[in-house]
Every structure is written in structure tokens, then in C-alpha cells.
C-alpha atoms as a PDB file:
ATOM      1  CA  UNK A   1     122.564  57.030  24.592  1.00  0.00           C
ATOM      2  CA  UNK A   2     122.780  60.308  26.498  1.00  0.00           C
ATOM      3  CA  UNK A   3     120.571  63.114  25.233  1.00  0.00           C
ATOM      4  CA  UNK A   4     121.872  66.597  24.516  1.00  0.00           C
ATOM      5  CA  UNK A   5     119.889  69.818  24.806  1.00  0.00           C
ATOM      6  CA  UNK A   6     120.712  73.487  24.311  1.00  0.00           C
ATOM      7  CA  UNK A   7     120.700  75.895  27.248  1.00  0.00           C
ATOM      8  CA  UNK A   8     117.814  77.853  25.739  1.00  0.00           C
ATOM      9  CA  UNK A   9     115.617  74.729  25.365  1.00  0.00           C
ATOM     10  CA  UNK A  10     116.511  73.669  28.895  1.00  0.00           C
ATOM     11  CA  UNK A  11     115.530  77.080  30.251  1.00  0.00           C
ATOM     12  CA  UNK A  12     112.178  77.019  28.459  1.00  0.00           C
ATOM     13  CA  UNK A  13     111.292  73.456  29.575  1.00  0.00           C
ATOM     14  CA  UNK A  14     113.300  72.992  32.758  1.00  0.00           C
ATOM     15  CA  UNK A  15     110.638  71.545  35.072  1.00  0.00           C
ATOM     16  CA  UNK A  16     109.420  69.037  32.463  1.00  0.00           C
ATOM     17  CA  UNK A  17     112.982  68.012  31.622  1.00  0.00           C
ATOM     18  CA  UNK A  18     113.919  67.585  35.297  1.00  0.00           C
ATOM     19  CA  UNK A  19     110.920  65.300  35.777  1.00  0.00           C
ATOM     20  CA  UNK A  20     111.960  63.242  32.738  1.00  0.00           C
ATOM     21  CA  UNK A  21     115.483  62.865  34.140  1.00  0.00           C
ATOM     22  CA  UNK A  22     114.111  61.767  37.517  1.00  0.00           C
ATOM     23  CA  UNK A  23     111.848  59.165  35.894  1.00  0.00           C
ATOM     24  CA  UNK A  24     114.310  57.784  33.351  1.00  0.00           C
ATOM     25  CA  UNK A  25     117.408  57.912  35.542  1.00  0.00           C
ATOM     26  CA  UNK A  26     119.458  58.962  32.529  1.00  0.00           C
ATOM     27  CA  UNK A  27     121.869  61.888  32.362  1.00  0.00           C
ATOM     28  CA  UNK A  28     121.359  64.918  30.129  1.00  0.00           C
ATOM     29  CA  UNK A  29     124.139  66.929  28.478  1.00  0.00           C
ATOM     30  CA  UNK A  30     123.537  70.667  28.210  1.00  0.00           C
ATOM     31  CA  UNK A  31     125.247  72.456  25.327  1.00  0.00           C
ATOM     32  CA  UNK A  32     126.072  76.100  24.721  1.00  0.00           C
ATOM     33  CA  UNK A  33     126.569  76.870  21.015  1.00  0.00           C
ATOM     34  CA  UNK A  34     126.893  73.138  20.304  1.00  0.00           C
ATOM     35  CA  UNK A  35     129.643  72.702  22.931  1.00  0.00           C
ATOM     36  CA  UNK A  36     128.852  70.448  25.891  1.00  0.00           C
ATOM     37  CA  UNK A  37     129.062  72.492  29.087  1.00  0.00           C
ATOM     38  CA  UNK A  38     127.064  70.648  31.761  1.00  0.00           C
ATOM     39  CA  UNK A  39     125.837  67.201  32.663  1.00  0.00           C
ATOM     40  CA  UNK A  40     122.659  66.827  34.673  1.00  0.00           C
ATOM     41  CA  UNK A  41     122.002  63.463  36.255  1.00  0.00           C
ATOM     42  CA  UNK A  42     119.693  62.226  38.994  1.00  0.00           C
ATOM     43  CA  UNK A  43     121.049  61.346  42.415  1.00  0.00           C
ATOM     44  CA  UNK A  44     120.843  57.627  42.987  1.00  0.00           C
ATOM     45  CA  UNK A  45     119.224  56.707  46.244  1.00  0.00           C
ATOM     46  CA  UNK A  46     121.134  54.484  48.598  1.00  0.00           C
ATOM     47  CA  UNK A  47     119.867  50.964  48.967  1.00  0.00           C
ATOM     48  CA  UNK A  48     119.207  49.468  52.365  1.00  0.00           C
ATOM     49  CA  UNK A  49     121.555  46.776  53.652  1.00  0.00           C
ATOM     50  CA  UNK A  50     118.758  44.193  53.452  1.00  0.00           C
ATOM     51  CA  UNK A  51     118.265  44.969  49.750  1.00  0.00           C
ATOM     52  CA  UNK A  52     121.961  44.678  48.959  1.00  0.00           C
ATOM     53  CA  UNK A  53     122.412  41.328  50.673  1.00  0.00           C
ATOM     54  CA  UNK A  54     118.994  39.819  49.814  1.00  0.00           C
ATOM     55  CA  UNK A  55     120.370  37.608  46.982  1.00  0.00           C
ATOM     56  CA  UNK A  56     122.805  35.998  49.428  1.00  0.00           C
ATOM     57  CA  UNK A  57     120.314  35.309  52.216  1.00  0.00           C
ATOM     58  CA  UNK A  58     120.445  31.609  53.101  1.00  0.00           C
ATOM     59  CA  UNK A  59     123.499  30.984  50.886  1.00  0.00           C
ATOM     60  CA  UNK A  60     126.180  32.029  53.382  1.00  0.00           C
ATOM     61  CA  UNK A  61     127.022  31.073  56.902  1.00  0.00           C
ATOM     62  CA  UNK A  62     128.999  32.743  59.630  1.00  0.00           C
ATOM     63  CA  UNK A  63     131.702  30.676  61.280  1.00  0.00           C
ATOM     64  CA  UNK A  64     131.798  30.552  65.059  1.00  0.00           C
ATOM     65  CA  UNK A  65     135.053  32.482  65.394  1.00  0.00           C
ATOM     66  CA  UNK A  66     135.160  36.152  66.305  1.00  0.00           C
ATOM     67  CA  UNK A  67     135.063  38.255  63.154  1.00  0.00           C
ATOM     68  CA  UNK A  68     137.466  40.757  64.762  1.00  0.00           C
ATOM     69  CA  UNK A  69     140.208  38.172  65.349  1.00  0.00           C
ATOM     70  CA  UNK A  70     143.493  39.224  63.680  1.00  0.00           C
ATOM     71  CA  UNK A  71     144.417  37.118  60.649  1.00  0.00           C
ATOM     72  CA  UNK A  72     148.085  38.091  60.233  1.00  0.00           C
ATOM     73  CA  UNK A  73     149.292  34.674  61.410  1.00  0.00           C
ATOM     74  CA  UNK A  74     147.011  32.889  58.941  1.00  0.00           C
ATOM     75  CA  UNK A  75     148.397  34.938  56.052  1.00  0.00           C
ATOM     76  CA  UNK A  76     151.998  34.390  57.124  1.00  0.00           C
ATOM     77  CA  UNK A  77     151.406  30.640  57.113  1.00  0.00           C
ATOM     78  CA  UNK A  78     150.364  30.816  53.446  1.00  0.00           C
ATOM     79  CA  UNK A  79     153.554  32.516  52.284  1.00  0.00           C
END
């Protein structure tokens, strides 16, 4: 569940709160007079290509045809 904090508490504890957000990865809602006004969330780092495709390593194979070959004829044949 997303936490909510008042602007005054955020101002008084900003550095500590920012560190908590960085560590937890969770967003924080900032309220002004009990009305949500802002959302603070950490920026997610981009994963490397090797990390993204690691689960598929060894489970896929590339066919010998050129990957840039147009496929329009193949799709027309299926219709």
C-alpha cells in the first residue's frame, strides 16, 4: 500500500524519506491539508539486454533466413 505524508513532515524529514523511497522502491503520496497533491517515486533503472533475455538463453534458436526479409507474402498466403 502506498504511504501518504503531509508536506510539513516531508519538509522536516526529506533526506531520510528520499533514502527510504530509494531503498524500498515504493511511491509516496504527499498531501496538503489531507488532499493528495504529489506522488514521489524512484526512477527505475534500465536493465541490460543480457538481463532481459537471460531466461530465454538456450531455449530459442535463430533460423537461417535473413531477419530483415519482408514477410508480406507469407501473411497474404494465410488469409
